N, C-alpha and C. Protein backbone atom coordinates (compact mmCIF):
# COMPACT_ATOMS: atom_id res chain seq x y z
N UNK A 1 -11.91 7.67 -6.83
CA UNK A 1 -10.93 8.63 -7.30
C UNK A 1 -9.61 8.35 -6.56
N UNK A 2 -8.82 7.43 -7.11
CA UNK A 2 -7.60 7.01 -6.40
C UNK A 2 -6.58 8.13 -6.18
N UNK A 3 -6.47 9.06 -7.13
CA UNK A 3 -5.49 10.14 -6.96
C UNK A 3 -5.83 11.01 -5.75
N UNK A 4 -7.10 11.26 -5.54
CA UNK A 4 -7.51 12.04 -4.38
C UNK A 4 -7.27 11.25 -3.09
N UNK A 5 -7.54 9.96 -3.14
CA UNK A 5 -7.29 9.11 -1.97
C UNK A 5 -5.81 9.13 -1.61
N UNK A 6 -4.95 9.05 -2.62
CA UNK A 6 -3.50 9.10 -2.38
C UNK A 6 -3.15 10.37 -1.61
N UNK A 7 -3.68 11.49 -2.05
CA UNK A 7 -3.40 12.77 -1.40
C UNK A 7 -3.78 12.73 0.08
N UNK A 8 -4.98 12.23 0.39
CA UNK A 8 -5.45 12.23 1.77
C UNK A 8 -4.72 11.21 2.64
N UNK A 9 -4.38 10.06 2.08
CA UNK A 9 -3.63 9.07 2.87
C UNK A 9 -2.23 9.59 3.19
N UNK A 10 -1.60 10.26 2.25
CA UNK A 10 -0.29 10.85 2.51
C UNK A 10 -0.40 11.91 3.60
N UNK A 11 -1.44 12.72 3.52
CA UNK A 11 -1.64 13.74 4.55
C UNK A 11 -1.87 13.08 5.91
N UNK A 12 -2.63 12.00 5.94
CA UNK A 12 -2.87 11.27 7.18
C UNK A 12 -1.59 10.70 7.78
N UNK A 13 -0.71 10.23 6.93
CA UNK A 13 0.57 9.69 7.42
C UNK A 13 1.43 10.76 8.08
N UNK A 14 1.24 12.00 7.66
CA UNK A 14 2.01 13.10 8.24
C UNK A 14 1.38 13.72 9.46
N UNK A 15 0.21 13.24 9.83
CA UNK A 15 -0.50 13.82 10.97
C UNK A 15 0.20 13.47 12.28
N UNK A 16 0.23 14.42 13.21
CA UNK A 16 0.86 14.14 14.51
C UNK A 16 0.00 13.17 15.33
N UNK A 17 0.64 12.52 16.26
CA UNK A 17 -0.04 11.63 17.20
C UNK A 17 -0.75 10.45 16.53
N UNK A 18 -0.21 9.98 15.43
CA UNK A 18 -0.77 8.82 14.75
C UNK A 18 -0.12 7.57 15.33
N UNK A 19 -0.94 6.62 15.75
CA UNK A 19 -0.41 5.39 16.34
C UNK A 19 0.22 4.51 15.26
N UNK A 20 1.01 3.54 15.69
CA UNK A 20 1.62 2.60 14.75
C UNK A 20 0.56 1.83 13.98
N UNK A 21 -0.51 1.44 14.65
CA UNK A 21 -1.60 0.72 13.98
C UNK A 21 -2.28 1.59 12.92
N UNK A 22 -2.50 2.84 13.26
CA UNK A 22 -3.11 3.77 12.31
C UNK A 22 -2.20 4.00 11.11
N UNK A 23 -0.90 4.13 11.38
CA UNK A 23 0.05 4.33 10.29
C UNK A 23 0.10 3.11 9.37
N UNK A 24 0.03 1.93 9.96
CA UNK A 24 0.03 0.70 9.16
C UNK A 24 -1.22 0.66 8.27
N UNK A 25 -2.36 1.01 8.83
CA UNK A 25 -3.61 1.02 8.06
C UNK A 25 -3.55 2.06 6.94
N UNK A 26 -3.01 3.22 7.23
CA UNK A 26 -2.88 4.26 6.21
C UNK A 26 -1.93 3.83 5.10
N UNK A 27 -0.83 3.18 5.46
CA UNK A 27 0.11 2.69 4.43
C UNK A 27 -0.57 1.65 3.54
N UNK A 28 -1.35 0.75 4.14
CA UNK A 28 -2.04 -0.27 3.36
C UNK A 28 -3.04 0.38 2.40
N UNK A 29 -3.83 1.30 2.91
CA UNK A 29 -4.82 1.97 2.07
C UNK A 29 -4.14 2.83 1.00
N UNK A 30 -3.03 3.44 1.34
CA UNK A 30 -2.27 4.21 0.35
C UNK A 30 -1.74 3.30 -0.75
N UNK A 31 -1.21 2.15 -0.37
CA UNK A 31 -0.72 1.19 -1.36
C UNK A 31 -1.86 0.76 -2.29
N UNK A 32 -3.02 0.50 -1.73
CA UNK A 32 -4.18 0.10 -2.54
C UNK A 32 -4.59 1.23 -3.49
N UNK A 33 -4.53 2.47 -3.01
CA UNK A 33 -4.87 3.61 -3.85
C UNK A 33 -3.85 3.77 -4.98
N UNK A 34 -2.57 3.61 -4.67
CA UNK A 34 -1.55 3.66 -5.71
C UNK A 34 -1.81 2.58 -6.76
N UNK A 35 -2.15 1.39 -6.31
CA UNK A 35 -2.42 0.29 -7.23
C UNK A 35 -3.60 0.65 -8.15
N UNK A 36 -4.66 1.16 -7.58
CA UNK A 36 -5.83 1.54 -8.39
C UNK A 36 -5.51 2.68 -9.34
N UNK A 37 -4.58 3.55 -8.95
CA UNK A 37 -4.19 4.68 -9.80
C UNK A 37 -3.21 4.24 -10.89
N UNK A 38 -2.74 2.99 -10.82
CA UNK A 38 -1.81 2.49 -11.82
C UNK A 38 -0.35 2.68 -11.48
N UNK A 39 -0.05 3.17 -10.28
CA UNK A 39 1.34 3.37 -9.85
C UNK A 39 1.78 2.10 -9.12
N UNK A 40 2.03 1.06 -9.90
CA UNK A 40 2.30 -0.26 -9.33
C UNK A 40 3.61 -0.33 -8.57
N UNK A 41 4.61 0.44 -8.98
CA UNK A 41 5.89 0.42 -8.27
C UNK A 41 5.74 0.96 -6.85
N UNK A 42 5.05 2.06 -6.69
CA UNK A 42 4.84 2.62 -5.35
C UNK A 42 3.97 1.68 -4.51
N UNK A 43 2.96 1.11 -5.15
CA UNK A 43 2.10 0.16 -4.43
C UNK A 43 2.92 -1.02 -3.93
N UNK A 44 3.76 -1.55 -4.79
CA UNK A 44 4.60 -2.69 -4.40
C UNK A 44 5.54 -2.31 -3.26
N UNK A 45 6.15 -1.14 -3.34
CA UNK A 45 7.07 -0.71 -2.29
C UNK A 45 6.35 -0.65 -0.93
N UNK A 46 5.15 -0.08 -0.91
CA UNK A 46 4.41 0.04 0.35
C UNK A 46 3.93 -1.32 0.85
N UNK A 47 3.40 -2.15 -0.05
CA UNK A 47 2.97 -3.48 0.38
C UNK A 47 4.15 -4.28 0.93
N UNK A 48 5.33 -4.11 0.32
CA UNK A 48 6.53 -4.79 0.80
C UNK A 48 6.92 -4.28 2.19
N UNK A 49 6.82 -2.98 2.40
CA UNK A 49 7.11 -2.40 3.72
C UNK A 49 6.14 -2.95 4.77
N UNK A 50 4.89 -3.03 4.44
CA UNK A 50 3.87 -3.55 5.35
C UNK A 50 4.16 -5.02 5.66
N UNK A 51 4.49 -5.78 4.62
CA UNK A 51 4.82 -7.19 4.77
C UNK A 51 6.00 -7.38 5.72
N UNK A 52 6.98 -6.48 5.63
CA UNK A 52 8.15 -6.56 6.49
C UNK A 52 7.83 -6.35 7.96
N UNK A 53 6.75 -5.65 8.24
CA UNK A 53 6.34 -5.39 9.62
C UNK A 53 5.42 -6.50 10.14
N UNK A 54 4.49 -6.94 9.28
CA UNK A 54 3.51 -7.95 9.70
C UNK A 54 3.04 -8.73 8.48
N UNK A 55 3.56 -9.94 8.31
CA UNK A 55 3.28 -10.74 7.12
C UNK A 55 1.82 -11.13 6.97
N UNK A 56 1.05 -11.07 8.03
CA UNK A 56 -0.35 -11.48 7.94
C UNK A 56 -1.32 -10.29 7.97
N UNK A 57 -0.81 -9.08 7.87
CA UNK A 57 -1.65 -7.89 7.95
C UNK A 57 -2.60 -7.81 6.74
N UNK A 58 -3.89 -7.89 6.99
CA UNK A 58 -4.94 -7.68 5.99
C UNK A 58 -4.66 -8.40 4.66
N UNK A 59 -4.10 -9.58 4.72
CA UNK A 59 -3.84 -10.35 3.50
C UNK A 59 -2.78 -9.75 2.61
N UNK A 60 -1.83 -9.01 3.20
CA UNK A 60 -0.82 -8.32 2.41
C UNK A 60 0.04 -9.30 1.61
N UNK A 61 0.27 -10.48 2.13
CA UNK A 61 1.06 -11.47 1.40
C UNK A 61 0.42 -11.80 0.06
N UNK A 62 -0.89 -12.09 0.08
CA UNK A 62 -1.60 -12.42 -1.16
C UNK A 62 -1.68 -11.20 -2.08
N UNK A 63 -1.89 -10.05 -1.48
CA UNK A 63 -1.98 -8.82 -2.27
C UNK A 63 -0.66 -8.54 -2.98
N UNK A 64 0.43 -8.73 -2.28
CA UNK A 64 1.75 -8.51 -2.86
C UNK A 64 2.04 -9.51 -3.97
N UNK A 65 1.70 -10.78 -3.75
CA UNK A 65 1.90 -11.79 -4.79
C UNK A 65 1.10 -11.47 -6.05
N UNK A 66 -0.15 -11.07 -5.88
CA UNK A 66 -1.00 -10.73 -7.02
C UNK A 66 -0.44 -9.52 -7.77
N UNK A 67 0.05 -8.56 -7.04
CA UNK A 67 0.62 -7.37 -7.66
C UNK A 67 1.89 -7.73 -8.43
N UNK A 68 2.73 -8.56 -7.85
CA UNK A 68 3.95 -8.97 -8.54
C UNK A 68 3.63 -9.74 -9.82
N UNK A 69 2.56 -10.55 -9.79
CA UNK A 69 2.13 -11.26 -11.00
C UNK A 69 1.70 -10.27 -12.09
N UNK A 70 0.98 -9.24 -11.69
CA UNK A 70 0.56 -8.21 -12.66
C UNK A 70 1.75 -7.48 -13.26
N UNK A 71 2.80 -7.33 -12.46
CA UNK A 71 3.96 -6.56 -12.90
C UNK A 71 4.95 -7.38 -13.72
N UNK A 72 4.85 -8.69 -13.62
CA UNK A 72 5.84 -9.52 -14.32
C UNK A 72 5.54 -9.52 -15.82
N UNK A 73 6.59 -9.46 -16.62
CA UNK A 73 6.40 -9.43 -18.07
C UNK A 73 5.82 -10.75 -18.56
N UNK A 74 4.95 -10.65 -19.53
CA UNK A 74 4.34 -11.84 -20.11
C UNK A 74 5.30 -12.42 -21.14
N UNK A 75 5.56 -13.72 -21.02
CA UNK A 75 6.50 -14.36 -21.95
C UNK A 75 5.77 -15.14 -22.99
């Protein structure tokens, strides 16, 4: 249930005393939930933010490329 996951990941991001590593993990999982829910623009924005912090984080580079391919118009 990606919509429910989105809700909880957003709530987790707002929690006090969250470490940078925890926030990065929550952003990644939130992006994945957005992608599964069909909100590709938000997913791309978050994956791009994660990529900007750490290009090798949990395969974000490949995940972002695959997402961009899905979003590109078919010619």
